[in-house]
Amino acid sequence: THKNNGYLRALLPIIAIHSETAQDALTNVTSDTTFGISRILQELDDCAMELSKFSETNFNMADQLDWTMTAGQCSVLSKEKRAIAEIEEAVVARITCLKEMAIGGTTKDE
C-alpha cells in the first residue's frame, strides 16, 4: 500500500485547486448582484406574487360563472378556471418551499 501513497499525494494539490475554484464560484454566485441567488430569489418571489393574483382572479371568475348558471347546470369553463387556480396555488406553494430551502441554506453560514 505504500507504493500507492505517492500517487495519492500527487493528487492533493489538484484537489485543493478544485476545492478553491468551487468555493470561489459559490462565493461569486451568492454575492453577484447581476446573477446571484438573491436576484433569483427575488424573481421567484415576484413570480409567486403574480401567480397568487392570477389564482385569485381565476377563482373569482369561476365563482361568477357558477353564479350565472341555473340550478343543476355545470360550467366547463368554471371547472377549468378552478383547476388552473389550484395549479397556480400549488406552484406558489412550491416556490415558497424552494425559497425557504434556499434561504435556510444561505443564512446558515452567516
Foldseek 3Di string as FASTA:
>chain_A
DVVCVVVVVVCVVVVVVVVVVVVVVLVCQCPPPVHHPVVVLVVLVVLLVVLQVLLVVLQVVLVVVVVPDDPPDDDPSSVVSNVSSVVSVVSSVVSVVVSVVVCVVVVVVD
